Amino acid sequence: MAQQILSVGRRGIWIGGAIGGVLLWRIAAYASPSSFIAIPEGLHLPHALLGILFLAAGAWAWWRRPNQWTQLFLITGIAFGIHWGGAVGITNPAIEMSVFWVYLALSALGDSALLHLALIYPHGRPLSRSWRNVLYLPALAAVMLAPVAIFVPQNALRVAIGTMLLIAPLLSLAAGVVFTVRLFIADAATRRAARLPLIVAGLWAGGITAHLGAANLLPGVPEAWNLALALLPITFAIALTHQSSAHPGDHEHAGR
């Protein structure tokens, strides 16, 4: 009983810290928007709610079923919670650029964690250290460039920024591809137990709608279609908290 109370207490501290950190970042981003990220007028609140939904879904899933899958989903929720809050603006351009790199690192962390989840779900076998290093290299590189950005002219980092903005979405796209492949190669029992159809439907429906909107292929304000991404945290939270083991060997690593 004491161990269970301690475990619940630890999860509560982690979740409380995550929510507090994201909310502080959001307040700072709202009070002083960065010149690098422009959020259209009227979409500050919807984007903020989208980020909070990612965070809440990740926290709820990890609270309900703490395992390596929901832990990665929580990391994704924290990172996307900050991503959709926007970058923080600072009067000093050099320091603002440095903080912007921290923002890029957190965004890349969310995409890497999502791909990590795709690569180990539903079998639960951990990735090797080498593969994990490669997977989280973009986020690590962005963190290392953050202090460098204070002393380097902005123009010198344009290519690096463009590369980061390209790599992060590709990681999420790769996650979608991996989950889709899993759906088609898994047997019927595993598909049902892991809720793979729900995950794949949420990923592609939300992602495709958001990208079609951003490309002006849908009516209305392009950025408003980003709200379709709300399907991702909702479907993932449901799937990860309701999945069950189809085969005893599938989830032997789930709690590690």
C-alpha atoms as a PDB file:
ATOM      1  CA  MET A   1       0.000   0.000   0.000  1.00  0.00           C
ATOM      2  CA  ALA A   2       2.800   2.411   0.952  1.00  0.00           C
ATOM      3  CA  GLN A   3       4.575   1.667  -2.347  1.00  0.00           C
ATOM      4  CA  GLN A   4       1.367   2.332  -4.273  1.00  0.00           C
ATOM      5  CA  ILE A   5       0.833   5.662  -2.481  1.00  0.00           C
ATOM      6  CA  LEU A   6       4.457   6.634  -3.195  1.00  0.00           C
ATOM      7  CA  SER A   7       4.021   5.751  -6.867  1.00  0.00           C
ATOM      8  CA  VAL A   8       0.838   7.817  -7.143  1.00  0.00           C
ATOM      9  CA  GLY A   9       2.590  10.692  -5.366  1.00  0.00           C
ATOM     10  CA  ARG A  10       5.518  10.594  -7.785  1.00  0.00           C
ATOM     11  CA  ARG A  11       3.199  10.592 -10.783  1.00  0.00           C
ATOM     12  CA  GLY A  12       1.307  13.517  -9.270  1.00  0.00           C
ATOM     13  CA  ILE A  13       4.527  15.505  -8.847  1.00  0.00           C
ATOM     14  CA  TRP A  14       5.627  14.788 -12.413  1.00  0.00           C
ATOM     15  CA  ILE A  15       2.258  15.717 -13.880  1.00  0.00           C
ATOM     16  CA  GLY A  16       1.952  18.821 -11.689  1.00  0.00           C
ATOM     17  CA  GLY A  17       5.440  19.949 -12.709  1.00  0.00           C
ATOM     18  CA  ALA A  18       4.698  19.329 -16.395  1.00  0.00           C
ATOM     19  CA  ILE A  19       1.435  21.274 -16.299  1.00  0.00           C
ATOM     20  CA  GLY A  20       3.057  24.113 -14.347  1.00  0.00           C
ATOM     21  CA  GLY A  21       5.981  24.329 -16.766  1.00  0.00           C
ATOM     22  CA  VAL A  22       3.789  24.372 -19.864  1.00  0.00           C
ATOM     23  CA  LEU A  23       1.450  26.976 -18.375  1.00  0.00           C
ATOM     24  CA  LEU A  24       4.382  29.233 -17.435  1.00  0.00           C
ATOM     25  CA  TRP A  25       5.754  28.955 -20.991  1.00  0.00           C
ATOM     26  CA  ARG A  26       2.305  29.735 -22.393  1.00  0.00           C
ATOM     27  CA  ILE A  27       1.898  32.810 -20.204  1.00  0.00           C
ATOM     28  CA  ALA A  28       5.324  34.071 -21.273  1.00  0.00           C
ATOM     29  CA  ALA A  29       4.608  33.343 -24.958  1.00  0.00           C
ATOM     30  CA  TYR A  30       1.234  35.104 -24.784  1.00  0.00           C
ATOM     31  CA  ALA A  31       2.646  38.137 -22.952  1.00  0.00           C
ATOM     32  CA  SER A  32       5.633  38.484 -25.293  1.00  0.00           C
ATOM     33  CA  PRO A  33       5.113  36.697 -28.642  1.00  0.00           C
ATOM     34  CA  SER A  34       8.283  35.878 -30.542  1.00  0.00           C
ATOM     35  CA  SER A  35       9.085  37.548 -33.840  1.00  0.00           C
ATOM     36  CA  PHE A  36       9.938  34.099 -35.248  1.00  0.00           C
ATOM     37  CA  ILE A  37       6.473  32.551 -34.773  1.00  0.00           C
ATOM     38  CA  ALA A  38       3.450  34.539 -35.935  1.00  0.00           C
ATOM     39  CA  ILE A  39       0.058  33.277 -34.730  1.00  0.00           C
ATOM     40  CA  PRO A  40      -2.847  34.873 -36.657  1.00  0.00           C
ATOM     41  CA  GLU A  41      -5.192  37.105 -34.699  1.00  0.00           C
ATOM     42  CA  GLY A  42      -8.047  35.149 -33.161  1.00  0.00           C
ATOM     43  CA  LEU A  43      -6.152  31.844 -33.083  1.00  0.00           C
ATOM     44  CA  HIS A  44      -4.142  32.400 -29.904  1.00  0.00           C
ATOM     45  CA  LEU A  45      -6.833  30.804 -27.724  1.00  0.00           C
ATOM     46  CA  PRO A  46      -7.648  27.875 -30.091  1.00  0.00           C
ATOM     47  CA  HIS A  47      -3.945  27.057 -30.460  1.00  0.00           C
ATOM     48  CA  ALA A  48      -3.484  27.312 -26.700  1.00  0.00           C
ATOM     49  CA  LEU A  49      -6.417  24.946 -26.149  1.00  0.00           C
ATOM     50  CA  LEU A  50      -4.937  22.507 -28.677  1.00  0.00           C
ATOM     51  CA  GLY A  51      -1.663  22.481 -26.758  1.00  0.00           C
ATOM     52  CA  ILE A  52      -3.454  22.031 -23.441  1.00  0.00           C
ATOM     53  CA  LEU A  53      -5.406  19.119 -24.944  1.00  0.00           C
ATOM     54  CA  PHE A  54      -2.147  17.392 -25.929  1.00  0.00           C
ATOM     55  CA  LEU A  55      -0.786  17.927 -22.427  1.00  0.00           C
ATOM     56  CA  ALA A  56      -4.001  16.834 -20.679  1.00  0.00           C
ATOM     57  CA  ALA A  57      -4.353  13.713 -22.844  1.00  0.00           C
ATOM     58  CA  GLY A  58      -0.752  12.666 -22.200  1.00  0.00           C
ATOM     59  CA  ALA A  59      -1.033  13.290 -18.456  1.00  0.00           C
ATOM     60  CA  TRP A  60      -4.350  11.448 -18.194  1.00  0.00           C
ATOM     61  CA  ALA A  61      -3.084   8.430 -20.140  1.00  0.00           C
ATOM     62  CA  TRP A  62       0.076   8.154 -18.037  1.00  0.00           C
ATOM     63  CA  TRP A  63      -1.901   8.576 -14.832  1.00  0.00           C
ATOM     64  CA  ARG A  64      -4.366   5.865 -15.825  1.00  0.00           C
ATOM     65  CA  ARG A  65      -1.825   3.334 -17.154  1.00  0.00           C
ATOM     66  CA  PRO A  66       1.794   4.202 -16.351  1.00  0.00           C
ATOM     67  CA  ASN A  67       4.041   2.291 -18.764  1.00  0.00           C
ATOM     68  CA  GLN A  68       6.642   3.075 -21.402  1.00  0.00           C
ATOM     69  CA  TRP A  69       4.007   3.818 -24.060  1.00  0.00           C
ATOM     70  CA  THR A  70       2.052   6.346 -22.023  1.00  0.00           C
ATOM     71  CA  GLN A  71       5.326   7.822 -20.759  1.00  0.00           C
ATOM     72  CA  LEU A  72       6.363   8.593 -24.338  1.00  0.00           C
ATOM     73  CA  PHE A  73       2.884   9.944 -25.026  1.00  0.00           C
ATOM     74  CA  LEU A  74       3.232  12.216 -21.978  1.00  0.00           C
ATOM     75  CA  ILE A  75       6.558  13.534 -23.317  1.00  0.00           C
ATOM     76  CA  THR A  76       4.855  14.179 -26.663  1.00  0.00           C
ATOM     77  CA  GLY A  77       1.991  15.971 -24.889  1.00  0.00           C
ATOM     78  CA  ILE A  78       4.347  18.215 -22.901  1.00  0.00           C
ATOM     79  CA  ALA A  79       6.402  19.099 -25.982  1.00  0.00           C
ATOM     80  CA  PHE A  80       3.363  19.772 -28.181  1.00  0.00           C
ATOM     81  CA  GLY A  81       1.750  21.701 -25.335  1.00  0.00           C
ATOM     82  CA  ILE A  82       4.663  24.128 -25.516  1.00  0.00           C
ATOM     83  CA  HIS A  83       4.845  24.013 -29.331  1.00  0.00           C
ATOM     84  CA  TRP A  84       1.260  25.189 -29.772  1.00  0.00           C
ATOM     85  CA  GLY A  85       1.765  27.942 -27.238  1.00  0.00           C
ATOM     86  CA  GLY A  86       4.257  29.688 -29.494  1.00  0.00           C
ATOM     87  CA  ALA A  87       7.797  30.883 -28.875  1.00  0.00           C
ATOM     88  CA  VAL A  88       8.682  33.471 -26.238  1.00  0.00           C
ATOM     89  CA  GLY A  89       9.715  36.945 -27.411  1.00  0.00           C
ATOM     90  CA  ILE A  90      12.537  38.810 -25.661  1.00  0.00           C
ATOM     91  CA  THR A  91      13.729  42.359 -26.263  1.00  0.00           C
ATOM     92  CA  ASN A  92      17.302  41.239 -26.794  1.00  0.00           C
ATOM     93  CA  PRO A  93      17.393  39.650 -30.307  1.00  0.00           C
ATOM     94  CA  ALA A  94      20.340  37.363 -29.484  1.00  0.00           C
ATOM     95  CA  ILE A  95      18.693  35.927 -26.359  1.00  0.00           C
ATOM     96  CA  GLU A  96      15.370  35.644 -28.210  1.00  0.00           C
ATOM     97  CA  MET A  97      17.097  33.541 -30.864  1.00  0.00           C
ATOM     98  CA  SER A  98      18.591  31.339 -28.154  1.00  0.00           C
ATOM     99  CA  VAL A  99      15.157  30.823 -26.530  1.00  0.00           C
ATOM    100  CA  PHE A 100      13.725  30.098 -29.974  1.00  0.00           C
ATOM    101  CA  TRP A 101      16.198  27.220 -30.318  1.00  0.00           C
ATOM    102  CA  VAL A 102      14.953  25.831 -27.014  1.00  0.00           C
ATOM    103  CA  TYR A 103      11.440  26.039 -28.483  1.00  0.00           C
ATOM    104  CA  LEU A 104      12.618  24.147 -31.590  1.00  0.00           C
ATOM    105  CA  ALA A 105      14.283  21.529 -29.395  1.00  0.00           C
ATOM    106  CA  LEU A 106      11.068  20.919 -27.458  1.00  0.00           C
ATOM    107  CA  SER A 107       9.074  20.668 -30.691  1.00  0.00           C
ATOM    108  CA  ALA A 108      11.551  18.136 -32.107  1.00  0.00           C
ATOM    109  CA  LEU A 109      11.452  16.212 -28.811  1.00  0.00           C
ATOM    110  CA  GLY A 110       7.683  15.749 -29.210  1.00  0.00           C
ATOM    111  CA  ASP A 111       8.035  14.463 -32.770  1.00  0.00           C
ATOM    112  CA  SER A 112      10.886  12.123 -31.776  1.00  0.00           C
ATOM    113  CA  ALA A 113       8.912  10.740 -28.825  1.00  0.00           C
ATOM    114  CA  LEU A 114       5.932  10.109 -31.117  1.00  0.00           C
ATOM    115  CA  LEU A 115       8.135   8.157 -33.549  1.00  0.00           C
ATOM    116  CA  HIS A 116       9.715   6.310 -30.610  1.00  0.00           C
ATOM    117  CA  LEU A 117       6.228   5.291 -29.492  1.00  0.00           C
ATOM    118  CA  ALA A 118       5.405   4.064 -32.994  1.00  0.00           C
ATOM    119  CA  LEU A 119       8.568   1.948 -33.127  1.00  0.00           C
ATOM    120  CA  ILE A 120       7.889   0.073 -29.867  1.00  0.00           C
ATOM    121  CA  TYR A 121       4.088  -0.222 -29.975  1.00  0.00           C
ATOM    122  CA  PRO A 122       2.472  -2.658 -29.351  1.00  0.00           C
ATOM    123  CA  HIS A 123       5.260  -5.247 -28.857  1.00  0.00           C
ATOM    124  CA  GLY A 124       7.055  -3.196 -26.181  1.00  0.00           C
ATOM    125  CA  ARG A 125      10.605  -4.249 -27.123  1.00  0.00           C
ATOM    126  CA  PRO A 126      12.938  -1.344 -26.299  1.00  0.00           C
ATOM    127  CA  LEU A 127      15.109   0.315 -28.932  1.00  0.00           C
ATOM    128  CA  SER A 128      18.863  -0.040 -28.741  1.00  0.00           C
ATOM    129  CA  ARG A 129      20.875   2.847 -27.304  1.00  0.00           C
ATOM    130  CA  SER A 130      22.258   3.652 -30.784  1.00  0.00           C
ATOM    131  CA  TRP A 131      18.786   3.959 -32.307  1.00  0.00           C
ATOM    132  CA  ARG A 132      17.594   6.112 -29.409  1.00  0.00           C
ATOM    133  CA  ASN A 133      20.563   8.422 -29.890  1.00  0.00           C
ATOM    134  CA  VAL A 134      19.764   8.814 -33.581  1.00  0.00           C
ATOM    135  CA  LEU A 135      16.074   9.330 -32.852  1.00  0.00           C
ATOM    136  CA  TYR A 136      16.620  12.189 -30.411  1.00  0.00           C
ATOM    137  CA  LEU A 137      19.575  13.754 -32.242  1.00  0.00           C
ATOM    138  CA  PRO A 138      17.533  16.670 -33.708  1.00  0.00           C
ATOM    139  CA  ALA A 139      16.325  17.753 -30.255  1.00  0.00           C
ATOM    140  CA  LEU A 140      19.839  17.393 -28.819  1.00  0.00           C
ATOM    141  CA  ALA A 141      21.352  19.396 -31.690  1.00  0.00           C
ATOM    142  CA  ALA A 142      18.811  22.186 -31.154  1.00  0.00           C
ATOM    143  CA  VAL A 143      19.599  22.336 -27.423  1.00  0.00           C
ATOM    144  CA  MET A 144      23.324  22.555 -28.180  1.00  0.00           C
ATOM    145  CA  LEU A 145      22.740  25.393 -30.661  1.00  0.00           C
ATOM    146  CA  ALA A 146      20.697  27.415 -28.148  1.00  0.00           C
ATOM    147  CA  PRO A 147      23.709  28.948 -26.326  1.00  0.00           C
ATOM    148  CA  VAL A 148      25.631  29.296 -29.602  1.00  0.00           C
ATOM    149  CA  ALA A 149      22.770  31.393 -31.030  1.00  0.00           C
ATOM    150  CA  ILE A 150      23.505  34.161 -28.533  1.00  0.00           C
ATOM    151  CA  PHE A 151      26.875  34.870 -30.162  1.00  0.00           C
ATOM    152  CA  VAL A 152      26.199  33.972 -33.814  1.00  0.00           C
ATOM    153  CA  PRO A 153      24.370  36.344 -36.241  1.00  0.00           C
ATOM    154  CA  GLN A 154      20.808  35.273 -37.057  1.00  0.00           C
ATOM    155  CA  ASN A 155      21.553  34.959 -40.787  1.00  0.00           C
ATOM    156  CA  ALA A 156      24.240  32.367 -40.060  1.00  0.00           C
ATOM    157  CA  LEU A 157      21.621  30.043 -38.533  1.00  0.00           C
ATOM    158  CA  ARG A 158      18.950  30.344 -41.226  1.00  0.00           C
ATOM    159  CA  VAL A 159      19.896  27.043 -42.863  1.00  0.00           C
ATOM    160  CA  ALA A 160      19.952  25.276 -39.486  1.00  0.00           C
ATOM    161  CA  ILE A 161      16.504  26.671 -38.601  1.00  0.00           C
ATOM    162  CA  GLY A 162      15.100  25.602 -41.964  1.00  0.00           C
ATOM    163  CA  THR A 163      16.555  22.119 -41.483  1.00  0.00           C
ATOM    164  CA  MET A 164      14.989  21.797 -38.024  1.00  0.00           C
ATOM    165  CA  LEU A 165      11.599  22.998 -39.283  1.00  0.00           C
ATOM    166  CA  LEU A 166      11.802  20.339 -42.007  1.00  0.00           C
ATOM    167  CA  ILE A 167      13.050  17.430 -39.865  1.00  0.00           C
ATOM    168  CA  ALA A 168      10.463  17.727 -37.062  1.00  0.00           C
ATOM    169  CA  PRO A 169       7.372  17.176 -39.287  1.00  0.00           C
ATOM    170  CA  LEU A 170       9.177  14.344 -41.083  1.00  0.00           C
ATOM    171  CA  LEU A 171       9.543  12.538 -37.751  1.00  0.00           C
ATOM    172  CA  SER A 172       5.780  12.752 -37.183  1.00  0.00           C
ATOM    173  CA  LEU A 173       5.162  11.616 -40.765  1.00  0.00           C
ATOM    174  CA  ALA A 174       7.466   8.642 -40.170  1.00  0.00           C
ATOM    175  CA  ALA A 175       5.461   7.810 -37.033  1.00  0.00           C
ATOM    176  CA  GLY A 176       2.286   7.772 -39.123  1.00  0.00           C
ATOM    177  CA  VAL A 177       3.897   5.459 -41.679  1.00  0.00           C
ATOM    178  CA  VAL A 178       5.163   3.067 -38.966  1.00  0.00           C
ATOM    179  CA  PHE A 179       1.768   2.901 -37.249  1.00  0.00           C
ATOM    180  CA  THR A 180       0.108   2.254 -40.639  1.00  0.00           C
ATOM    181  CA  VAL A 181       2.548  -0.559 -41.461  1.00  0.00           C
ATOM    182  CA  ARG A 182       1.883  -2.055 -38.019  1.00  0.00           C
ATOM    183  CA  LEU A 183      -1.842  -1.955 -38.746  1.00  0.00           C
ATOM    184  CA  PHE A 184      -1.463  -3.926 -41.959  1.00  0.00           C
ATOM    185  CA  ILE A 185       1.086  -6.511 -40.812  1.00  0.00           C
ATOM    186  CA  ALA A 186      -0.467  -7.237 -37.400  1.00  0.00           C
ATOM    187  CA  ASP A 187      -2.918 -10.102 -37.008  1.00  0.00           C
ATOM    188  CA  ALA A 188      -6.562  -9.304 -36.305  1.00  0.00           C
ATOM    189  CA  ALA A 189      -6.292  -9.993 -32.570  1.00  0.00           C
ATOM    190  CA  THR A 190      -3.335  -7.609 -32.145  1.00  0.00           C
ATOM    191  CA  ARG A 191      -5.018  -4.886 -34.210  1.00  0.00           C
ATOM    192  CA  ARG A 192      -8.074  -5.037 -31.975  1.00  0.00           C
ATOM    193  CA  ALA A 193      -6.148  -5.318 -28.713  1.00  0.00           C
ATOM    194  CA  ALA A 194      -3.754  -2.449 -29.514  1.00  0.00           C
ATOM    195  CA  ARG A 195      -6.530  -0.255 -30.985  1.00  0.00           C
ATOM    196  CA  LEU A 196      -4.345   0.274 -34.056  1.00  0.00           C
ATOM    197  CA  PRO A 197      -7.225   1.315 -36.376  1.00  0.00           C
ATOM    198  CA  LEU A 198      -8.168   4.110 -33.947  1.00  0.00           C
ATOM    199  CA  ILE A 199      -4.568   5.370 -33.714  1.00  0.00           C
ATOM    200  CA  VAL A 200      -4.030   5.334 -37.483  1.00  0.00           C
ATOM    201  CA  ALA A 201      -7.384   7.001 -38.179  1.00  0.00           C
ATOM    202  CA  GLY A 202      -6.634   9.829 -35.724  1.00  0.00           C
ATOM    203  CA  LEU A 203      -3.125  10.371 -37.059  1.00  0.00           C
ATOM    204  CA  TRP A 204      -3.993  10.564 -40.737  1.00  0.00           C
ATOM    205  CA  ALA A 205      -7.367  12.294 -40.446  1.00  0.00           C
ATOM    206  CA  GLY A 206      -5.969  15.025 -38.218  1.00  0.00           C
ATOM    207  CA  GLY A 207      -2.648  15.386 -40.039  1.00  0.00           C
ATOM    208  CA  ILE A 208      -4.046  15.423 -43.580  1.00  0.00           C
ATOM    209  CA  THR A 209      -6.812  17.892 -42.701  1.00  0.00           C
ATOM    210  CA  ALA A 210      -4.343  20.254 -41.008  1.00  0.00           C
ATOM    211  CA  HIS A 211      -1.922  20.152 -43.931  1.00  0.00           C
ATOM    212  CA  LEU A 212      -4.642  20.636 -46.550  1.00  0.00           C
ATOM    213  CA  GLY A 213      -5.839  23.654 -44.603  1.00  0.00           C
ATOM    214  CA  ALA A 214      -2.304  25.063 -44.312  1.00  0.00           C
ATOM    215  CA  ALA A 215      -1.936  24.694 -48.092  1.00  0.00           C
ATOM    216  CA  ASN A 216      -5.098  26.801 -48.637  1.00  0.00           C
ATOM    217  CA  LEU A 217      -6.927  23.806 -50.099  1.00  0.00           C
ATOM    218  CA  LEU A 218      -9.752  24.121 -47.569  1.00  0.00           C
ATOM    219  CA  PRO A 219     -12.017  27.134 -46.941  1.00  0.00           C
ATOM    220  CA  GLY A 220     -11.411  29.560 -44.088  1.00  0.00           C
ATOM    221  CA  VAL A 221      -8.257  30.657 -42.282  1.00  0.00           C
ATOM    222  CA  PRO A 222      -5.468  28.159 -43.117  1.00  0.00           C
ATOM    223  CA  GLU A 223      -4.028  28.017 -39.591  1.00  0.00           C
ATOM    224  CA  ALA A 224      -7.479  27.339 -38.103  1.00  0.00           C
ATOM    225  CA  TRP A 225      -7.400  23.864 -39.644  1.00  0.00           C
ATOM    226  CA  ASN A 226      -4.569  22.990 -37.245  1.00  0.00           C
ATOM    227  CA  LEU A 227      -7.357  22.346 -34.756  1.00  0.00           C
ATOM    228  CA  ALA A 228      -8.039  19.088 -36.629  1.00  0.00           C
ATOM    229  CA  LEU A 229      -4.886  17.819 -34.918  1.00  0.00           C
ATOM    230  CA  ALA A 230      -6.990  17.513 -31.758  1.00  0.00           C
ATOM    231  CA  LEU A 231      -7.903  14.067 -33.101  1.00  0.00           C
ATOM    232  CA  LEU A 232      -4.378  12.853 -32.307  1.00  0.00           C
ATOM    233  CA  PRO A 233      -4.328  13.285 -28.515  1.00  0.00           C
ATOM    234  CA  ILE A 234      -7.930  12.106 -28.190  1.00  0.00           C
ATOM    235  CA  THR A 235      -7.500   8.888 -30.183  1.00  0.00           C
ATOM    236  CA  PHE A 236      -4.087   8.111 -28.677  1.00  0.00           C
ATOM    237  CA  ALA A 237      -5.304   8.610 -25.112  1.00  0.00           C
ATOM    238  CA  ILE A 238      -8.262   6.294 -25.706  1.00  0.00           C
ATOM    239  CA  ALA A 239      -6.166   3.636 -27.451  1.00  0.00           C
ATOM    240  CA  LEU A 240      -3.290   3.596 -24.951  1.00  0.00           C
ATOM    241  CA  THR A 241      -5.554   3.411 -21.920  1.00  0.00           C
ATOM    242  CA  HIS A 242      -7.853   0.745 -23.367  1.00  0.00           C
ATOM    243  CA  GLN A 243      -5.353  -1.492 -25.155  1.00  0.00           C
ATOM    244  CA  SER A 244      -5.100  -5.078 -23.950  1.00  0.00           C
ATOM    245  CA  SER A 245      -2.651  -7.870 -24.631  1.00  0.00           C
ATOM    246  CA  ALA A 246      -3.654 -10.128 -27.497  1.00  0.00           C
ATOM    247  CA  HIS A 247      -0.683 -12.412 -26.891  1.00  0.00           C
ATOM    248  CA  PRO A 248       1.115 -12.876 -23.553  1.00  0.00           C
ATOM    249  CA  GLY A 249       4.519 -12.153 -25.112  1.00  0.00           C
ATOM    250  CA  ASP A 250       3.498  -8.920 -26.758  1.00  0.00           C
ATOM    251  CA  HIS A 251       3.603  -6.758 -23.640  1.00  0.00           C
ATOM    252  CA  GLU A 252       6.369  -8.325 -21.626  1.00  0.00           C
ATOM    253  CA  HIS A 253       8.332  -5.062 -21.763  1.00  0.00           C
ATOM    254  CA  ALA A 254       5.369  -2.720 -21.285  1.00  0.00           C
ATOM    255  CA  GLY A 255       6.151  -1.673 -17.770  1.00  0.00           C
ATOM    256  CA  ARG A 256       9.903  -1.303 -18.198  1.00  0.00           C
END
